[in-house]
Amino acid sequence: MASYQFRDSVFSTDTELAQPQLGTLTQVAENNLLSTKDYTLIVTVSNINTNVVVQLDGSIDGTNFAQIIAPQTITANGQSVFSVSGRPVKFVRPRFVSESGGTAALVTLSVAAA
């Protein structure tokens, strides 16, 4: 997993996921240093069977999470982009929620926070 910070932006990319699971927890706010409220989730899918479902969760305390990008169903290989604005949180965590039609899908989750 690579993670980079530039002023008020954070970028994080998970390694390729071969099964539904949580992505990497990334801190996107730090008092007096960094503050974000806009998030983009870029999903790269290969070997899809029927579909995969992904979402982005946010947290203020790093323990309790809620969806900030609701579950999104992807039905084809390639890249998909989902964004949300005006949701300040301290942590984000992408999630490969599920897949249908088989278990061959490979999913890479990338997050940008600004």
C-alpha atoms as a PDB file:
ATOM      1  CA  MET A   1       0.000   0.000   0.000  1.00  0.00           C
ATOM      2  CA  ALA A   2       1.323   3.401  -0.970  1.00  0.00           C
ATOM      3  CA  SER A   3       0.216   6.567   0.786  1.00  0.00           C
ATOM      4  CA  TYR A   4       1.218  10.169   0.001  1.00  0.00           C
ATOM      5  CA  GLN A   5       0.380  13.581   1.475  1.00  0.00           C
ATOM      6  CA  PHE A   6       0.574  16.967  -0.283  1.00  0.00           C
ATOM      7  CA  ARG A   7      -0.604  19.938   1.801  1.00  0.00           C
ATOM      8  CA  ASP A   8      -4.300  19.199   2.263  1.00  0.00           C
ATOM      9  CA  SER A   9      -4.464  16.090   0.072  1.00  0.00           C
ATOM     10  CA  VAL A  10      -3.907  12.411   0.806  1.00  0.00           C
ATOM     11  CA  PHE A  11      -3.642   9.589  -1.744  1.00  0.00           C
ATOM     12  CA  SER A  12      -3.748   5.888  -0.923  1.00  0.00           C
ATOM     13  CA  THR A  13      -3.779   2.748  -3.095  1.00  0.00           C
ATOM     14  CA  ASP A  14      -4.344  -0.769  -1.780  1.00  0.00           C
ATOM     15  CA  THR A  15      -2.699  -3.825  -3.214  1.00  0.00           C
ATOM     16  CA  GLU A  16      -4.934  -5.911  -5.457  1.00  0.00           C
ATOM     17  CA  LEU A  17      -7.681  -7.661  -3.468  1.00  0.00           C
ATOM     18  CA  ALA A  18      -8.793 -11.142  -4.551  1.00  0.00           C
ATOM     19  CA  GLN A  19     -11.755 -11.457  -2.178  1.00  0.00           C
ATOM     20  CA  PRO A  20     -14.212  -9.178  -0.368  1.00  0.00           C
ATOM     21  CA  GLN A  21     -12.465  -7.454   2.531  1.00  0.00           C
ATOM     22  CA  LEU A  22     -11.656  -4.104   4.073  1.00  0.00           C
ATOM     23  CA  GLY A  23      -9.117  -1.873   2.391  1.00  0.00           C
ATOM     24  CA  THR A  24      -6.425   0.071   4.195  1.00  0.00           C
ATOM     25  CA  LEU A  25      -7.430   2.532   6.907  1.00  0.00           C
ATOM     26  CA  THR A  26      -6.061   5.978   6.006  1.00  0.00           C
ATOM     27  CA  GLN A  27      -5.951   9.015   8.269  1.00  0.00           C
ATOM     28  CA  VAL A  28      -7.132  12.047   6.287  1.00  0.00           C
ATOM     29  CA  ALA A  29      -7.213  14.719   9.001  1.00  0.00           C
ATOM     30  CA  GLU A  30      -4.842  15.868  11.741  1.00  0.00           C
ATOM     31  CA  ASN A  31      -5.481  18.841  14.036  1.00  0.00           C
ATOM     32  CA  ASN A  32      -3.587  21.961  12.917  1.00  0.00           C
ATOM     33  CA  LEU A  33      -1.939  20.065  10.037  1.00  0.00           C
ATOM     34  CA  LEU A  34      -4.359  18.467   7.597  1.00  0.00           C
ATOM     35  CA  SER A  35      -8.088  18.732   6.958  1.00  0.00           C
ATOM     36  CA  THR A  36     -10.053  17.006   4.183  1.00  0.00           C
ATOM     37  CA  LYS A  37     -13.757  16.813   3.317  1.00  0.00           C
ATOM     38  CA  ASP A  38     -13.903  15.645  -0.315  1.00  0.00           C
ATOM     39  CA  TYR A  39     -13.181  12.035  -1.302  1.00  0.00           C
ATOM     40  CA  THR A  40     -12.752  10.097  -4.533  1.00  0.00           C
ATOM     41  CA  LEU A  41     -12.736   6.307  -4.739  1.00  0.00           C
ATOM     42  CA  ILE A  42     -11.178   4.869  -7.905  1.00  0.00           C
ATOM     43  CA  VAL A  43     -11.804   1.159  -8.375  1.00  0.00           C
ATOM     44  CA  THR A  44      -9.921  -1.003 -10.867  1.00  0.00           C
ATOM     45  CA  VAL A  45     -11.512  -4.380 -11.564  1.00  0.00           C
ATOM     46  CA  SER A  46     -10.265  -7.318 -13.639  1.00  0.00           C
ATOM     47  CA  ASN A  47     -11.520 -10.895 -14.094  1.00  0.00           C
ATOM     48  CA  ILE A  48     -15.071  -9.860 -13.157  1.00  0.00           C
ATOM     49  CA  ASN A  49     -17.765 -12.537 -13.394  1.00  0.00           C
ATOM     50  CA  THR A  50     -21.142 -10.839 -12.846  1.00  0.00           C
ATOM     51  CA  ASN A  51     -20.458  -7.855 -10.565  1.00  0.00           C
ATOM     52  CA  VAL A  52     -18.555  -6.509  -7.588  1.00  0.00           C
ATOM     53  CA  VAL A  53     -19.789  -4.103  -4.925  1.00  0.00           C
ATOM     54  CA  VAL A  54     -17.535  -1.503  -3.298  1.00  0.00           C
ATOM     55  CA  GLN A  55     -18.029   1.407  -0.890  1.00  0.00           C
ATOM     56  CA  LEU A  56     -16.082   4.010   1.093  1.00  0.00           C
ATOM     57  CA  ASP A  57     -16.511   4.302   4.859  1.00  0.00           C
ATOM     58  CA  GLY A  58     -15.576   7.275   7.029  1.00  0.00           C
ATOM     59  CA  SER A  59     -14.917   7.662  10.748  1.00  0.00           C
ATOM     60  CA  ILE A  60     -14.268  10.437  13.208  1.00  0.00           C
ATOM     61  CA  ASP A  61     -12.704   8.216  15.889  1.00  0.00           C
ATOM     62  CA  GLY A  62     -11.126   5.373  13.860  1.00  0.00           C
ATOM     63  CA  THR A  63     -13.436   2.796  15.466  1.00  0.00           C
ATOM     64  CA  ASN A  64     -16.997   3.592  14.405  1.00  0.00           C
ATOM     65  CA  PHE A  65     -17.531   3.803  10.632  1.00  0.00           C
ATOM     66  CA  ALA A  66     -20.395   4.862   8.374  1.00  0.00           C
ATOM     67  CA  GLN A  67     -20.759   4.859   4.603  1.00  0.00           C
ATOM     68  CA  ILE A  68     -19.705   8.109   2.962  1.00  0.00           C
ATOM     69  CA  ILE A  69     -19.898   6.598  -0.529  1.00  0.00           C
ATOM     70  CA  ALA A  70     -22.807   4.142  -0.527  1.00  0.00           C
ATOM     71  CA  PRO A  71     -22.373   0.651  -2.005  1.00  0.00           C
ATOM     72  CA  GLN A  72     -21.673   0.852  -5.741  1.00  0.00           C
ATOM     73  CA  THR A  73     -22.194  -2.095  -8.103  1.00  0.00           C
ATOM     74  CA  ILE A  74     -19.650  -2.498 -10.896  1.00  0.00           C
ATOM     75  CA  THR A  75     -20.543  -4.838 -13.778  1.00  0.00           C
ATOM     76  CA  ALA A  76     -17.519  -4.634 -16.101  1.00  0.00           C
ATOM     77  CA  ASN A  77     -13.741  -4.791 -15.975  1.00  0.00           C
ATOM     78  CA  GLY A  78     -11.916  -1.457 -15.979  1.00  0.00           C
ATOM     79  CA  GLN A  79     -11.882   1.637 -13.807  1.00  0.00           C
ATOM     80  CA  SER A  80     -14.816   3.293 -12.062  1.00  0.00           C
ATOM     81  CA  VAL A  81     -14.791   6.583 -10.159  1.00  0.00           C
ATOM     82  CA  PHE A  82     -17.076   7.620  -7.294  1.00  0.00           C
ATOM     83  CA  SER A  83     -16.899  10.915  -5.367  1.00  0.00           C
ATOM     84  CA  VAL A  84     -18.465  12.672  -2.403  1.00  0.00           C
ATOM     85  CA  SER A  85     -18.005  16.250  -1.143  1.00  0.00           C
ATOM     86  CA  GLY A  86     -18.542  18.054   2.133  1.00  0.00           C
ATOM     87  CA  ARG A  87     -18.075  15.090   4.496  1.00  0.00           C
ATOM     88  CA  PRO A  88     -15.219  15.886   6.900  1.00  0.00           C
ATOM     89  CA  VAL A  89     -13.930  12.774   8.664  1.00  0.00           C
ATOM     90  CA  LYS A  90     -10.616  11.814  10.249  1.00  0.00           C
ATOM     91  CA  PHE A  91     -10.268   8.340   8.705  1.00  0.00           C
ATOM     92  CA  VAL A  92     -11.440   6.658   5.501  1.00  0.00           C
ATOM     93  CA  ARG A  93     -11.498   2.973   4.630  1.00  0.00           C
ATOM     94  CA  PRO A  94     -12.456   1.535   1.236  1.00  0.00           C
ATOM     95  CA  ARG A  95     -14.295  -1.752   1.212  1.00  0.00           C
ATOM     96  CA  PHE A  96     -14.608  -4.561  -1.338  1.00  0.00           C
ATOM     97  CA  VAL A  97     -18.075  -5.590  -0.164  1.00  0.00           C
ATOM     98  CA  SER A  98     -19.007  -8.552  -2.353  1.00  0.00           C
ATOM     99  CA  GLU A  99     -18.839 -10.231  -5.734  1.00  0.00           C
ATOM    100  CA  SER A 100     -21.387 -12.258  -7.695  1.00  0.00           C
ATOM    101  CA  GLY A 101     -21.112 -14.934 -10.337  1.00  0.00           C
ATOM    102  CA  GLY A 102     -17.864 -16.445  -9.104  1.00  0.00           C
ATOM    103  CA  THR A 103     -14.776 -15.644  -7.069  1.00  0.00           C
ATOM    104  CA  ALA A 104     -12.217 -14.602  -9.705  1.00  0.00           C
ATOM    105  CA  ALA A 105     -12.525 -10.800  -9.520  1.00  0.00           C
ATOM    106  CA  LEU A 106      -9.424  -8.764  -8.684  1.00  0.00           C
ATOM    107  CA  VAL A 107     -10.090  -5.310  -7.202  1.00  0.00           C
ATOM    108  CA  THR A 108      -7.713  -2.421  -6.521  1.00  0.00           C
ATOM    109  CA  LEU A 109      -9.069   0.420  -4.370  1.00  0.00           C
ATOM    110  CA  SER A 110      -7.514   3.888  -4.542  1.00  0.00           C
ATOM    111  CA  VAL A 111      -8.617   6.869  -2.439  1.00  0.00           C
ATOM    112  CA  ALA A 112      -7.954  10.580  -2.857  1.00  0.00           C
ATOM    113  CA  ALA A 113      -8.847  12.987  -0.047  1.00  0.00           C
ATOM    114  CA  ALA A 114      -8.759  16.775  -0.344  1.00  0.00           C
END
